[in-house]
C-alpha atoms as a PDB file:
ATOM      1  CA  UNK A   1     104.798 165.593  80.844  1.00  0.00           C
ATOM      2  CA  UNK A   2     102.495 166.033  77.920  1.00  0.00           C
ATOM      3  CA  UNK A   3      99.115 164.278  77.754  1.00  0.00           C
ATOM      4  CA  UNK A   4     100.810 161.889  75.031  1.00  0.00           C
ATOM      5  CA  UNK A   5     103.076 160.383  77.731  1.00  0.00           C
ATOM      6  CA  UNK A   6     103.244 156.624  77.459  1.00  0.00           C
ATOM      7  CA  UNK A   7     101.382 154.685  80.198  1.00  0.00           C
ATOM      8  CA  UNK A   8     104.692 153.466  81.738  1.00  0.00           C
ATOM      9  CA  UNK A   9     105.496 157.059  82.343  1.00  0.00           C
ATOM     10  CA  UNK A  10     102.073 157.576  84.293  1.00  0.00           C
ATOM     11  CA  UNK A  11     102.454 154.794  87.137  1.00  0.00           C
ATOM     12  CA  UNK A  12     103.123 157.270  89.721  1.00  0.00           C
ATOM     13  CA  UNK A  13      99.976 159.187  88.790  1.00  0.00           C
ATOM     14  CA  UNK A  14      97.920 156.127  87.935  1.00  0.00           C
ATOM     15  CA  UNK A  15      99.084 152.940  89.916  1.00  0.00           C
ATOM     16  CA  UNK A  16      98.733 149.764  88.276  1.00  0.00           C
ATOM     17  CA  UNK A  17      96.793 148.444  91.427  1.00  0.00           C
ATOM     18  CA  UNK A  18      94.938 150.365  94.249  1.00  0.00           C
ATOM     19  CA  UNK A  19      93.420 148.817  97.235  1.00  0.00           C
ATOM     20  CA  UNK A  20      89.556 149.187  97.317  1.00  0.00           C
ATOM     21  CA  UNK A  21      89.989 152.070  99.716  1.00  0.00           C
ATOM     22  CA  UNK A  22      92.073 154.224  97.182  1.00  0.00           C
ATOM     23  CA  UNK A  23      89.264 155.016  94.867  1.00  0.00           C
ATOM     24  CA  UNK A  24      90.483 155.663  91.278  1.00  0.00           C
ATOM     25  CA  UNK A  25      89.632 158.781  89.483  1.00  0.00           C
ATOM     26  CA  UNK A  26      86.487 158.968  87.300  1.00  0.00           C
ATOM     27  CA  UNK A  27      87.642 157.659  83.905  1.00  0.00           C
ATOM     28  CA  UNK A  28      88.676 160.124  81.316  1.00  0.00           C
ATOM     29  CA  UNK A  29      88.818 162.844  83.834  1.00  0.00           C
ATOM     30  CA  UNK A  30      91.834 164.845  83.892  1.00  0.00           C
ATOM     31  CA  UNK A  31      94.517 164.217  86.676  1.00  0.00           C
ATOM     32  CA  UNK A  32      97.489 166.265  86.403  1.00  0.00           C
ATOM     33  CA  UNK A  33      97.113 167.092  82.866  1.00  0.00           C
ATOM     34  CA  UNK A  34      96.489 163.312  82.029  1.00  0.00           C
ATOM     35  CA  UNK A  35      93.327 161.436  80.988  1.00  0.00           C
ATOM     36  CA  UNK A  36      92.381 158.806  83.846  1.00  0.00           C
ATOM     37  CA  UNK A  37      92.541 155.282  82.586  1.00  0.00           C
ATOM     38  CA  UNK A  38      90.013 152.570  83.065  1.00  0.00           C
ATOM     39  CA  UNK A  39      90.128 150.637  86.570  1.00  0.00           C
ATOM     40  CA  UNK A  40      88.323 147.626  86.921  1.00  0.00           C
ATOM     41  CA  UNK A  41      87.461 146.365  90.748  1.00  0.00           C
ATOM     42  CA  UNK A  42      87.881 142.719  90.956  1.00  0.00           C
ATOM     43  CA  UNK A  43      90.239 139.685  91.666  1.00  0.00           C
ATOM     44  CA  UNK A  44      93.139 138.205  89.214  1.00  0.00           C
ATOM     45  CA  UNK A  45      93.123 134.523  89.971  1.00  0.00           C
ATOM     46  CA  UNK A  46      94.638 131.506  88.300  1.00  0.00           C
ATOM     47  CA  UNK A  47      92.603 129.419  85.866  1.00  0.00           C
ATOM     48  CA  UNK A  48      92.683 126.313  88.141  1.00  0.00           C
ATOM     49  CA  UNK A  49      90.939 128.595  90.933  1.00  0.00           C
ATOM     50  CA  UNK A  50      88.316 129.563  88.361  1.00  0.00           C
ATOM     51  CA  UNK A  51      87.608 126.037  87.513  1.00  0.00           C
ATOM     52  CA  UNK A  52      87.150 125.378  91.309  1.00  0.00           C
ATOM     53  CA  UNK A  53      84.967 128.294  91.949  1.00  0.00           C
ATOM     54  CA  UNK A  54      82.837 128.171  88.896  1.00  0.00           C
ATOM     55  CA  UNK A  55      83.141 124.584  87.471  1.00  0.00           C
ATOM     56  CA  UNK A  56      84.319 123.415  84.115  1.00  0.00           C
ATOM     57  CA  UNK A  57      83.032 125.351  81.129  1.00  0.00           C
ATOM     58  CA  UNK A  58      80.602 122.900  79.126  1.00  0.00           C
ATOM     59  CA  UNK A  59      79.852 125.094  76.042  1.00  0.00           C
ATOM     60  CA  UNK A  60      81.237 128.029  74.169  1.00  0.00           C
ATOM     61  CA  UNK A  61      84.122 129.845  74.805  1.00  0.00           C
ATOM     62  CA  UNK A  62      85.526 130.139  78.399  1.00  0.00           C
ATOM     63  CA  UNK A  63      84.962 133.625  79.409  1.00  0.00           C
ATOM     64  CA  UNK A  64      81.600 133.721  77.323  1.00  0.00           C
ATOM     65  CA  UNK A  65      80.308 130.779  79.270  1.00  0.00           C
ATOM     66  CA  UNK A  66      80.982 132.116  82.764  1.00  0.00           C
ATOM     67  CA  UNK A  67      79.755 135.401  81.635  1.00  0.00           C
ATOM     68  CA  UNK A  68      76.400 134.308  80.431  1.00  0.00           C
ATOM     69  CA  UNK A  69      75.848 131.105  82.224  1.00  0.00           C
ATOM     70  CA  UNK A  70      77.395 131.088  85.567  1.00  0.00           C
ATOM     71  CA  UNK A  71      78.315 134.547  86.939  1.00  0.00           C
ATOM     72  CA  UNK A  72      74.771 136.193  86.564  1.00  0.00           C
ATOM     73  CA  UNK A  73      73.170 133.299  88.392  1.00  0.00           C
ATOM     74  CA  UNK A  74      75.794 133.823  91.411  1.00  0.00           C
ATOM     75  CA  UNK A  75      74.982 137.583  91.654  1.00  0.00           C
ATOM     76  CA  UNK A  76      72.064 138.772  93.800  1.00  0.00           C
ATOM     77  CA  UNK A  77      69.064 139.796  91.650  1.00  0.00           C
ATOM     78  CA  UNK A  78      68.533 143.508  91.391  1.00  0.00           C
ATOM     79  CA  UNK A  79      65.300 144.994  93.111  1.00  0.00           C
ATOM     80  CA  UNK A  80      63.517 147.751  91.471  1.00  0.00           C
ATOM     81  CA  UNK A  81      64.687 151.053  92.647  1.00  0.00           C
ATOM     82  CA  UNK A  82      67.768 150.149  94.303  1.00  0.00           C
ATOM     83  CA  UNK A  83      71.150 150.894  93.556  1.00  0.00           C
ATOM     84  CA  UNK A  84      73.525 147.870  92.889  1.00  0.00           C
ATOM     85  CA  UNK A  85      75.942 146.781  90.391  1.00  0.00           C
ATOM     86  CA  UNK A  86      75.391 144.527  87.553  1.00  0.00           C
ATOM     87  CA  UNK A  87      76.601 140.771  87.507  1.00  0.00           C
ATOM     88  CA  UNK A  88      80.546 140.560  87.446  1.00  0.00           C
ATOM     89  CA  UNK A  89      82.022 139.637  84.231  1.00  0.00           C
ATOM     90  CA  UNK A  90      85.350 137.585  83.607  1.00  0.00           C
ATOM     91  CA  UNK A  91      88.181 137.925  81.172  1.00  0.00           C
ATOM     92  CA  UNK A  92      91.739 136.434  80.679  1.00  0.00           C
ATOM     93  CA  UNK A  93      94.164 138.658  82.414  1.00  0.00           C
ATOM     94  CA  UNK A  94      97.192 139.314  80.254  1.00  0.00           C
ATOM     95  CA  UNK A  95      99.057 141.850  82.642  1.00  0.00           C
ATOM     96  CA  UNK A  96     101.835 140.895  85.131  1.00  0.00           C
ATOM     97  CA  UNK A  97     100.164 142.796  88.260  1.00  0.00           C
ATOM     98  CA  UNK A  98      98.374 140.563  90.537  1.00  0.00           C
ATOM     99  CA  UNK A  99      99.961 137.348  89.383  1.00  0.00           C
ATOM    100  CA  UNK A 100     102.951 137.191  91.767  1.00  0.00           C
ATOM    101  CA  UNK A 101     106.477 137.743  90.913  1.00  0.00           C
ATOM    102  CA  UNK A 102     107.263 134.340  89.601  1.00  0.00           C
ATOM    103  CA  UNK A 103     104.671 134.815  86.758  1.00  0.00           C
ATOM    104  CA  UNK A 104     105.679 138.253  85.392  1.00  0.00           C
ATOM    105  CA  UNK A 105     107.672 136.990  82.336  1.00  0.00           C
ATOM    106  CA  UNK A 106     105.450 134.282  81.359  1.00  0.00           C
ATOM    107  CA  UNK A 107     103.067 134.233  78.245  1.00  0.00           C
ATOM    108  CA  UNK A 108      99.913 132.732  79.190  1.00  0.00           C
ATOM    109  CA  UNK A 109      98.105 133.110  75.833  1.00  0.00           C
ATOM    110  CA  UNK A 110      98.812 129.396  74.763  1.00  0.00           C
ATOM    111  CA  UNK A 111      98.705 127.514  78.255  1.00  0.00           C
ATOM    112  CA  UNK A 112      95.198 127.772  79.916  1.00  0.00           C
ATOM    113  CA  UNK A 113      96.210 125.999  82.706  1.00  0.00           C
ATOM    114  CA  UNK A 114      98.575 128.647  83.647  1.00  0.00           C
ATOM    115  CA  UNK A 115      96.582 131.338  82.472  1.00  0.00           C
ATOM    116  CA  UNK A 116      95.034 134.205  84.940  1.00  0.00           C
ATOM    117  CA  UNK A 117      91.567 135.217  84.814  1.00  0.00           C
ATOM    118  CA  UNK A 118      90.022 138.636  86.091  1.00  0.00           C
ATOM    119  CA  UNK A 119      86.854 138.628  87.600  1.00  0.00           C
ATOM    120  CA  UNK A 120      85.536 142.235  88.203  1.00  0.00           C
ATOM    121  CA  UNK A 121      82.265 143.926  89.093  1.00  0.00           C
ATOM    122  CA  UNK A 122      82.768 147.671  88.753  1.00  0.00           C
ATOM    123  CA  UNK A 123      84.781 150.109  86.752  1.00  0.00           C
ATOM    124  CA  UNK A 124      85.468 153.867  87.393  1.00  0.00           C
ATOM    125  CA  UNK A 125      82.652 155.461  85.967  1.00  0.00           C
ATOM    126  CA  UNK A 126      80.672 157.988  88.127  1.00  0.00           C
ATOM    127  CA  UNK A 127      77.687 155.665  88.908  1.00  0.00           C
ATOM    128  CA  UNK A 128      79.654 152.592  89.946  1.00  0.00           C
ATOM    129  CA  UNK A 129      82.429 154.726  91.924  1.00  0.00           C
ATOM    130  CA  UNK A 130      79.526 156.208  93.935  1.00  0.00           C
ATOM    131  CA  UNK A 131      77.835 152.740  94.672  1.00  0.00           C
ATOM    132  CA  UNK A 132      81.245 151.333  95.755  1.00  0.00           C
ATOM    133  CA  UNK A 133      82.224 154.431  97.953  1.00  0.00           C
ATOM    134  CA  UNK A 134      78.691 154.703  99.209  1.00  0.00           C
ATOM    135  CA  UNK A 135      77.613 151.088 100.123  1.00  0.00           C
ATOM    136  CA  UNK A 136      81.528 149.787 100.430  1.00  0.00           C
ATOM    137  CA  UNK A 137      80.665 147.122 103.059  1.00  0.00           C
ATOM    138  CA  UNK A 138      77.712 145.818 101.499  1.00  0.00           C
ATOM    139  CA  UNK A 139      79.288 145.652  98.213  1.00  0.00           C
ATOM    140  CA  UNK A 140      82.422 143.871  99.286  1.00  0.00           C
ATOM    141  CA  UNK A 141      80.331 141.443 101.391  1.00  0.00           C
ATOM    142  CA  UNK A 142      78.004 140.605  98.733  1.00  0.00           C
ATOM    143  CA  UNK A 143      80.680 140.239  96.106  1.00  0.00           C
ATOM    144  CA  UNK A 144      82.970 137.920  98.260  1.00  0.00           C
ATOM    145  CA  UNK A 145      79.994 136.094  99.492  1.00  0.00           C
ATOM    146  CA  UNK A 146      78.668 135.502  95.698  1.00  0.00           C
ATOM    147  CA  UNK A 147      82.066 134.807  94.210  1.00  0.00           C
ATOM    148  CA  UNK A 148      83.597 132.880  97.433  1.00  0.00           C
ATOM    149  CA  UNK A 149      86.776 134.983  96.914  1.00  0.00           C
ATOM    150  CA  UNK A 150      88.636 137.022  99.789  1.00  0.00           C
ATOM    151  CA  UNK A 151      87.802 140.650 100.598  1.00  0.00           C
ATOM    152  CA  UNK A 152      91.756 141.215 101.170  1.00  0.00           C
ATOM    153  CA  UNK A 153      92.426 140.278  97.584  1.00  0.00           C
ATOM    154  CA  UNK A 154      89.875 142.647  95.911  1.00  0.00           C
ATOM    155  CA  UNK A 155      91.806 145.433  94.347  1.00  0.00           C
ATOM    156  CA  UNK A 156      91.299 148.249  91.657  1.00  0.00           C
ATOM    157  CA  UNK A 157      93.488 147.206  88.565  1.00  0.00           C
ATOM    158  CA  UNK A 158      94.186 149.697  85.904  1.00  0.00           C
ATOM    159  CA  UNK A 159      93.789 147.995  82.508  1.00  0.00           C
ATOM    160  CA  UNK A 160      93.987 150.503  79.711  1.00  0.00           C
ATOM    161  CA  UNK A 161      94.514 154.088  78.919  1.00  0.00           C
ATOM    162  CA  UNK A 162      92.098 155.523  76.221  1.00  0.00           C
END
């Protein structure tokens, strides 16, 4: 397999979803001759659940509102000289993974009520991977409490190849 293989050919090397204990390789590192893609640690959730958890957006775009106004307030403040992750971000989730089998063939771009969102708080860069590995229990507990989401649904999702 060459390094120009399509992402579909690489799912055996880079699974689309990984459990939190299955730490992904560092972004852009070489694994079996291929550059490791982006993985993000978070939850894929229906838009209706986002509204329940974070409230109705009152200004601007949905993701922008949550990223700037809501999520930073729910995340613990970073103390000086400590190692912790920045507040989570949210974005529309366009991939079928994490949605459930009944949702794989639907296009959610036009229908917000059936859209899925992705709330994530770590990516597979060295510093963030180290924090998640070295402080897994604290990170998971903090994220679950701050966002009121279950630990068992927290996964690493492959998002894009670079």
